[in-house]
Protein backbone atom coordinates (compact mmCIF):
# COMPACT_ATOMS: atom_id res chain seq x y z
CA UNK A 1 33.52 -31.00 -17.72
CA UNK A 2 30.76 -29.12 -19.50
CA UNK A 3 28.73 -32.32 -19.98
CA UNK A 4 29.12 -33.21 -16.31
CA UNK A 5 28.00 -29.73 -15.25
CA UNK A 6 25.04 -29.90 -17.63
CA UNK A 7 24.00 -33.27 -16.23
CA UNK A 8 24.31 -31.96 -12.69
CA UNK A 9 22.20 -28.94 -13.53
CA UNK A 10 19.57 -31.12 -15.18
CA UNK A 11 19.53 -33.46 -12.20
CA UNK A 12 19.23 -30.52 -9.83
CA UNK A 13 16.45 -29.07 -11.96
CA UNK A 14 14.57 -32.38 -12.04
CA UNK A 15 14.88 -32.78 -8.29
CA UNK A 16 13.71 -29.21 -7.69
CA UNK A 17 10.78 -29.68 -10.02
CA UNK A 18 9.91 -32.90 -8.25
CA UNK A 19 9.89 -31.12 -4.90
CA UNK A 20 7.49 -28.47 -6.23
CA UNK A 21 5.23 -31.12 -7.72
CA UNK A 22 5.22 -33.03 -4.43
CA UNK A 23 4.42 -29.88 -2.44
CA UNK A 24 1.74 -28.95 -4.95
CA UNK A 25 0.02 -32.33 -4.60
CA UNK A 26 0.07 -32.04 -0.81
CA UNK A 27 -1.33 -28.50 -1.02
CA UNK A 28 -4.19 -29.62 -3.30
CA UNK A 29 -5.05 -32.57 -1.04
CA UNK A 30 -5.00 -30.34 2.05
CA UNK A 31 -7.16 -27.76 0.29
CA UNK A 32 -9.86 -30.31 -0.53
CA UNK A 33 -9.72 -31.65 3.02
CA UNK A 34 -10.01 -28.16 4.52
CA UNK A 35 -12.91 -27.34 2.19
CA UNK A 36 -14.64 -30.55 3.28
CA UNK A 37 -14.17 -29.78 6.98
CA UNK A 38 -15.42 -26.23 6.42
CA UNK A 39 -18.56 -27.52 4.68
CA UNK A 40 -19.41 -29.47 7.86
CA UNK A 41 -18.97 -26.38 10.02
CA UNK A 42 -20.96 -23.16 10.20
CA UNK A 43 -17.78 -21.12 9.75
CA UNK A 44 -16.92 -19.82 6.28
CA UNK A 45 -13.53 -20.62 4.80
CA UNK A 46 -13.15 -17.04 3.60
CA UNK A 47 -15.33 -14.00 2.97
CA UNK A 48 -15.87 -11.93 -0.17
CA UNK A 49 -14.20 -9.03 1.64
CA UNK A 50 -10.95 -10.99 1.85
CA UNK A 51 -11.30 -11.82 -1.85
CA UNK A 52 -11.63 -8.09 -2.67
CA UNK A 53 -8.66 -7.32 -0.40
CA UNK A 54 -6.47 -9.94 -2.05
CA UNK A 55 -7.67 -8.83 -5.52
CA UNK A 56 -6.28 -5.35 -4.77
CA UNK A 57 -3.00 -6.79 -3.51
CA UNK A 58 -2.73 -9.10 -6.53
CA UNK A 59 -3.57 -6.25 -8.93
CA UNK A 60 -0.79 -4.08 -7.53
CA UNK A 61 1.64 -7.03 -7.59
CA UNK A 62 1.01 -7.52 -11.31
CA UNK A 63 1.26 -3.77 -11.93
CA UNK A 64 4.71 -3.31 -10.39
CA UNK A 65 6.18 -6.64 -11.56
CA UNK A 66 7.83 -6.85 -14.97
CA UNK A 67 7.14 -10.57 -15.42
CA UNK A 68 3.69 -11.88 -14.53
CA UNK A 69 5.18 -15.38 -14.13
CA UNK A 70 7.04 -14.18 -11.04
CA UNK A 71 3.72 -13.31 -9.41
CA UNK A 72 2.31 -16.73 -10.32
CA UNK A 73 5.34 -18.54 -8.89
CA UNK A 74 5.16 -16.39 -5.77
CA UNK A 75 1.47 -17.21 -5.40
CA UNK A 76 2.15 -20.96 -5.61
CA UNK A 77 5.07 -20.78 -3.19
CA UNK A 78 3.19 -18.67 -0.65
CA UNK A 79 0.12 -20.90 -0.96
CA UNK A 80 2.20 -23.95 0.01
CA UNK A 81 3.96 -22.01 2.76
CA UNK A 82 0.68 -20.74 4.22
CA UNK A 83 -0.14 -24.23 5.52
CA UNK A 84 2.28 -23.63 8.39
CA UNK A 85 -0.70 -21.89 10.01
CA UNK A 86 -2.01 -25.38 10.80
CA UNK A 87 1.03 -26.09 12.94
CA UNK A 88 0.02 -26.15 16.64
CA UNK A 89 0.55 -22.91 18.53
CA UNK A 90 2.98 -22.80 21.41
CA UNK A 91 1.10 -23.88 24.49
CA UNK A 92 -1.89 -25.15 22.52
CA UNK A 93 -2.93 -28.20 24.54
CA UNK A 94 -6.17 -28.97 22.72
CA UNK A 95 -5.71 -28.63 18.97
CA UNK A 96 -8.67 -26.76 17.44
CA UNK A 97 -8.76 -27.27 13.67
CA UNK A 98 -11.57 -24.74 13.17
CA UNK A 99 -9.47 -21.93 14.62
CA UNK A 100 -6.55 -22.80 12.36
CA UNK A 101 -8.85 -22.92 9.32
CA UNK A 102 -10.17 -19.48 10.23
CA UNK A 103 -6.63 -18.08 10.48
CA UNK A 104 -5.37 -19.74 7.27
CA UNK A 105 -6.57 -17.05 4.76
CA UNK A 106 -5.07 -14.30 6.92
CA UNK A 107 -1.77 -16.19 7.11
CA UNK A 108 -1.74 -16.50 3.33
CA UNK A 109 -2.42 -12.78 2.88
CA UNK A 110 0.24 -11.83 5.42
CA UNK A 111 2.94 -14.03 3.87
CA UNK A 112 2.04 -12.90 0.34
CA UNK A 113 2.22 -9.26 1.42
CA UNK A 114 5.61 -9.78 3.11
CA UNK A 115 7.19 -11.42 0.06
CA UNK A 116 5.64 -8.83 -2.26
CA UNK A 117 7.33 -6.03 -0.31
CA UNK A 118 10.57 -7.99 0.13
CA UNK A 119 11.05 -8.79 -3.57
CA UNK A 120 9.85 -5.38 -4.79
CA UNK A 121 11.49 -3.15 -2.21
CA UNK A 122 12.70 -0.51 -4.67
CA UNK A 123 9.42 -0.36 -6.61
CA UNK A 124 7.27 -0.23 -3.48
CA UNK A 125 9.41 2.64 -2.17
CA UNK A 126 7.57 5.13 -4.35
CA UNK A 127 9.50 8.16 -5.57
CA UNK A 128 8.29 11.30 -3.83
CA UNK A 129 8.06 14.76 -5.35
CA UNK A 130 7.05 18.22 -4.15
CA UNK A 131 3.62 17.66 -5.70
CA UNK A 132 3.01 14.33 -3.97
CA UNK A 133 4.07 15.74 -0.60
CA UNK A 134 1.76 18.73 -1.10
CA UNK A 135 -1.13 16.40 -1.97
CA UNK A 136 -0.43 14.25 1.10
CA UNK A 137 -0.23 17.34 3.34
CA UNK A 138 -3.62 18.65 2.14
CA UNK A 139 -5.10 15.18 2.59
CA UNK A 140 -3.76 15.02 6.14
CA UNK A 141 -5.30 18.40 7.01
CA UNK A 142 -8.66 17.23 5.66
CA UNK A 143 -8.27 14.02 7.67
CA UNK A 144 -7.70 16.01 10.88
CA UNK A 145 -10.58 18.36 10.07
CA UNK A 146 -12.99 15.47 9.46
CA UNK A 147 -11.88 13.91 12.74
CA UNK A 148 -12.81 17.20 14.48
CA UNK A 149 -9.27 17.61 15.80
CA UNK A 150 -9.50 21.36 15.15
CA UNK A 151 -12.39 21.60 17.64
CA UNK A 152 -10.49 19.92 20.48
CA UNK A 153 -8.88 22.30 22.94
CA UNK A 154 -5.91 20.42 24.34
CA UNK A 155 -2.14 20.57 24.03
CA UNK A 156 -1.87 17.47 21.82
CA UNK A 157 -4.40 18.82 19.29
CA UNK A 158 -2.66 22.21 19.19
CA UNK A 159 0.72 20.57 18.60
CA UNK A 160 -0.67 18.27 15.91
CA UNK A 161 -2.39 21.13 14.10
CA UNK A 162 0.70 23.34 14.31
CA UNK A 163 2.97 20.64 12.88
CA UNK A 164 0.49 19.73 10.14
CA UNK A 165 -0.15 23.31 9.03
CA UNK A 166 3.59 24.04 9.19
CA UNK A 167 4.53 21.14 6.93
CA UNK A 168 1.62 21.91 4.58
CA UNK A 169 2.78 25.53 4.26
CA UNK A 170 6.37 24.35 3.80
CA UNK A 171 5.28 21.93 1.04
CA UNK A 172 3.22 24.64 -0.66
CA UNK A 173 6.10 27.15 -0.63
CA UNK A 174 8.49 24.60 -2.15
CA UNK A 175 5.92 23.57 -4.76
CA UNK A 176 5.25 27.17 -5.84
CA UNK A 177 8.87 28.36 -5.85
CA UNK A 178 12.23 27.27 -7.25
CA UNK A 179 13.91 26.89 -3.88
CA UNK A 180 16.65 24.26 -3.89
CA UNK A 181 15.68 20.88 -2.50
CA UNK A 182 18.63 20.26 -0.20
CA UNK A 183 19.31 16.92 1.49
CA UNK A 184 17.89 18.21 4.78
CA UNK A 185 14.67 19.41 3.12
CA UNK A 186 14.24 16.13 1.25
CA UNK A 187 14.85 14.15 4.44
CA UNK A 188 12.20 15.99 6.45
CA UNK A 189 9.67 15.97 3.61
CA UNK A 190 10.18 12.24 3.12
CA UNK A 191 9.75 11.52 6.84
CA UNK A 192 6.64 13.73 6.93
CA UNK A 193 5.17 11.94 3.88
CA UNK A 194 5.86 8.58 5.52
CA UNK A 195 4.11 9.64 8.73
CA UNK A 196 1.10 10.93 6.76
CA UNK A 197 0.73 7.77 4.66
CA UNK A 198 1.05 5.52 7.68
CA UNK A 199 -1.42 7.53 9.80
CA UNK A 200 -4.05 7.69 7.08
CA UNK A 201 -3.51 4.01 6.30
CA UNK A 202 -4.13 2.95 9.91
CA UNK A 203 -7.41 4.87 9.92
CA UNK A 204 -8.30 3.44 6.51
CA UNK A 205 -7.74 -0.14 7.68
CA UNK A 206 -9.76 0.45 10.84
CA UNK A 207 -12.67 2.02 8.95
CA UNK A 208 -12.70 -0.69 6.27
CA UNK A 209 -12.76 -3.61 8.71
CA UNK A 210 -15.35 -1.78 10.83
CA UNK A 211 -17.74 -1.87 7.86
CA UNK A 212 -17.96 -5.65 8.12
CA UNK A 213 -18.06 -8.14 5.27
CA UNK A 214 -19.55 -7.67 1.84
CA UNK A 215 -22.36 -10.05 2.80
CA UNK A 216 -23.40 -7.85 5.74
CA UNK A 217 -25.58 -5.52 3.64
CA UNK A 218 -28.64 -6.31 1.54
CA UNK A 219 -28.10 -3.38 -0.83
CA UNK A 220 -25.88 -3.74 -3.90
CA UNK A 221 -24.70 -0.11 -3.67
CA UNK A 222 -23.45 -0.62 -0.09
CA UNK A 223 -21.74 -3.89 -1.02
CA UNK A 224 -20.08 -2.18 -3.99
CA UNK A 225 -18.77 0.63 -1.79
CA UNK A 226 -17.44 -1.83 0.80
CA UNK A 227 -15.84 -3.90 -1.96
CA UNK A 228 -14.09 -0.82 -3.39
CA UNK A 229 -12.74 0.05 0.05
CA UNK A 230 -11.34 -3.45 0.55
CA UNK A 231 -9.85 -3.39 -2.95
CA UNK A 232 -8.15 -0.02 -2.34
CA UNK A 233 -6.85 -1.31 0.99
CA UNK A 234 -5.32 -4.28 -0.84
CA UNK A 235 -3.75 -1.97 -3.45
CA UNK A 236 -2.20 0.26 -0.79
CA UNK A 237 -1.19 -2.55 1.60
CA UNK A 238 2.33 -2.96 0.17
CA UNK A 239 3.00 0.76 0.51
CA UNK A 240 1.59 0.75 4.02
CA UNK A 241 3.99 -1.99 5.09
CA UNK A 242 6.94 -0.33 3.33
CA UNK A 243 6.26 3.00 5.05
CA UNK A 244 5.87 1.20 8.36
CA UNK A 245 9.29 -0.41 7.88
CA UNK A 246 10.81 2.97 6.99
CA UNK A 247 9.50 4.39 10.26
CA UNK A 248 10.55 1.38 12.33
CA UNK A 249 14.06 1.64 10.92
CA UNK A 250 14.59 4.72 13.11
CA UNK A 251 14.30 2.51 16.19
CA UNK A 252 17.43 0.65 17.35
CA UNK A 253 17.55 -3.13 16.90
CA UNK A 254 19.04 -5.58 19.38
CA UNK A 255 21.82 -7.08 17.27
CA UNK A 256 22.34 -4.31 14.71
CA UNK A 257 24.71 -1.35 14.40
CA UNK A 258 22.30 1.52 15.06
CA UNK A 259 24.56 4.25 13.69
CA UNK A 260 25.08 2.39 10.41
CA UNK A 261 21.41 1.39 10.15
CA UNK A 262 20.30 4.96 10.85
CA UNK A 263 22.63 6.30 8.17
CA UNK A 264 21.25 3.83 5.63
CA UNK A 265 17.67 4.69 6.52
CA UNK A 266 18.35 8.43 6.21
CA UNK A 267 19.88 7.84 2.78
CA UNK A 268 16.82 5.81 1.77
CA UNK A 269 14.57 8.73 2.69
CA UNK A 270 16.74 11.29 0.90
CA UNK A 271 17.22 9.22 -2.25
CA UNK A 272 13.52 8.47 -2.67
CA UNK A 273 12.69 12.19 -2.82
CA UNK A 274 13.18 13.65 -6.28
CA UNK A 275 15.25 16.81 -6.77
CA UNK A 276 13.14 17.72 -9.80
CA UNK A 277 11.04 20.86 -9.39
CA UNK A 278 7.33 20.64 -10.18
CA UNK A 279 5.65 23.40 -12.19
CA UNK A 280 3.57 26.09 -10.52
CA UNK A 281 0.55 25.16 -12.65
CA UNK A 282 0.72 21.53 -11.48
CA UNK A 283 0.93 22.67 -7.84
CA UNK A 284 -2.06 25.00 -8.22
CA UNK A 285 -4.06 22.24 -9.94
CA UNK A 286 -3.18 19.94 -7.04
CA UNK A 287 -4.48 22.44 -4.48
CA UNK A 288 -7.63 23.15 -6.49
CA UNK A 289 -8.42 19.48 -7.17
CA UNK A 290 -7.79 18.24 -3.62
CA UNK A 291 -9.59 21.11 -1.88
CA UNK A 292 -12.60 20.85 -4.20
CA UNK A 293 -12.97 17.10 -3.68
CA UNK A 294 -12.49 17.27 0.09
CA UNK A 295 -14.84 20.25 0.52
CA UNK A 296 -17.57 18.57 -1.53
CA UNK A 297 -17.15 15.34 0.41
CA UNK A 298 -17.25 17.11 3.77
CA UNK A 299 -20.37 19.12 2.86
CA UNK A 300 -22.38 16.45 1.02
CA UNK A 301 -20.97 13.30 2.66
CA UNK A 302 -20.42 11.54 -0.68
CA UNK A 303 -17.92 8.91 0.50
CA UNK A 304 -16.24 7.91 3.78
CA UNK A 305 -13.23 10.14 4.43
CA UNK A 306 -10.70 7.31 4.05
CA UNK A 307 -12.13 6.29 0.67
CA UNK A 308 -12.19 9.87 -0.62
CA UNK A 309 -8.61 10.51 0.53
CA UNK A 310 -7.23 7.46 -1.28
CA UNK A 311 -9.30 8.16 -4.39
CA UNK A 312 -7.90 11.71 -4.53
CA UNK A 313 -4.33 10.48 -3.97
CA UNK A 314 -4.63 7.81 -6.67
CA UNK A 315 -6.68 9.82 -9.17
CA UNK A 316 -4.88 13.18 -9.21
CA UNK A 317 -1.74 11.87 -11.02
CA UNK A 318 -4.07 10.43 -13.69
CA UNK A 319 -5.87 13.76 -14.16
CA UNK A 320 -2.55 15.61 -14.18
CA UNK A 321 -1.18 13.24 -16.82
CA UNK A 322 -4.29 13.83 -18.95
CA UNK A 323 -3.88 17.60 -18.52
CA UNK A 324 -0.22 17.44 -19.60
CA UNK A 325 -1.17 15.31 -22.62
CA UNK A 326 -3.81 17.79 -23.76
CA UNK A 327 -1.44 20.71 -23.17
CA UNK A 328 1.32 19.09 -25.26
CA UNK A 329 -1.14 18.32 -28.06
CA UNK A 330 -2.33 21.92 -28.05
CA UNK A 331 1.25 23.17 -28.30
CA UNK A 332 1.97 20.78 -31.15
CA UNK A 333 -1.18 21.93 -32.98
CA UNK A 334 -0.21 25.59 -32.59
CA UNK A 335 3.30 24.93 -33.86
CA UNK A 336 1.91 23.06 -36.85
CA UNK A 337 -0.41 25.97 -37.70
CA UNK A 338 2.46 28.45 -37.35
CA UNK A 339 4.45 26.48 -39.94
């Protein structure tokens, strides 16, 4: 029986490998054909901006994946699957190959992003802490201030400012005290963090695509800044989609059990928020670092607000880790001298 099973497995493996080889050959042939058609047209197959965007997405995929081979296999599979974008649209009477070629890179990015989130659901659902929520709250206040929301005199602006300041104060109190992080507190802080990330991400995507392509500017410095923005958008894209799905899960689905789905979503929010208390020093460093960066950027207009916000969010944990490392080394040196 064992020999028969082994032969069956080998046969199945050979057949599966043959399918991948066949699909790979078709994909290569189609790629050369598409490249040839694009060379005859004035339209570009893809822009450098899309390359920078995908580079950020690919970088983050490698960072959160234990085995780099999984990313390579996913890339090959998605690449073959992306050719479905050449299938005629519903109601498309006159097939326009140029339009399908133009949509092909976006289809590839969309499918790759979907599978990246699907297969890395737990890793993309980043663990939240009091410090991260405080950092997000300060970033959101700066975002509103830069958008001049504080200068608008209407009911919506007043409500938005009141909610934002309230959650920021709530996050600051929890970060500076040892108050217990109950399930209710963790639920509301997680929902608030999700709303902040999604709101800032929408503005970030709009601002990045509004800048145009990398080829739109003659200056290297401008192209470098645009490229960094596209790269950061690619890095954050998986988290944007995951937070979007966490928000959409609160809406009822047609064929689902809303009460059960809502319970699962609430548990996801609660479980992703850590019960561990952050130190007061870390919280004060967070406030000092974020406020200094945002004030300098608002006064001297160093970077676009969306770029500065994401740089602060991504860079502060690195600076905090360096601070903790230096502090631990100093303690170890003092203990060694005491001995």
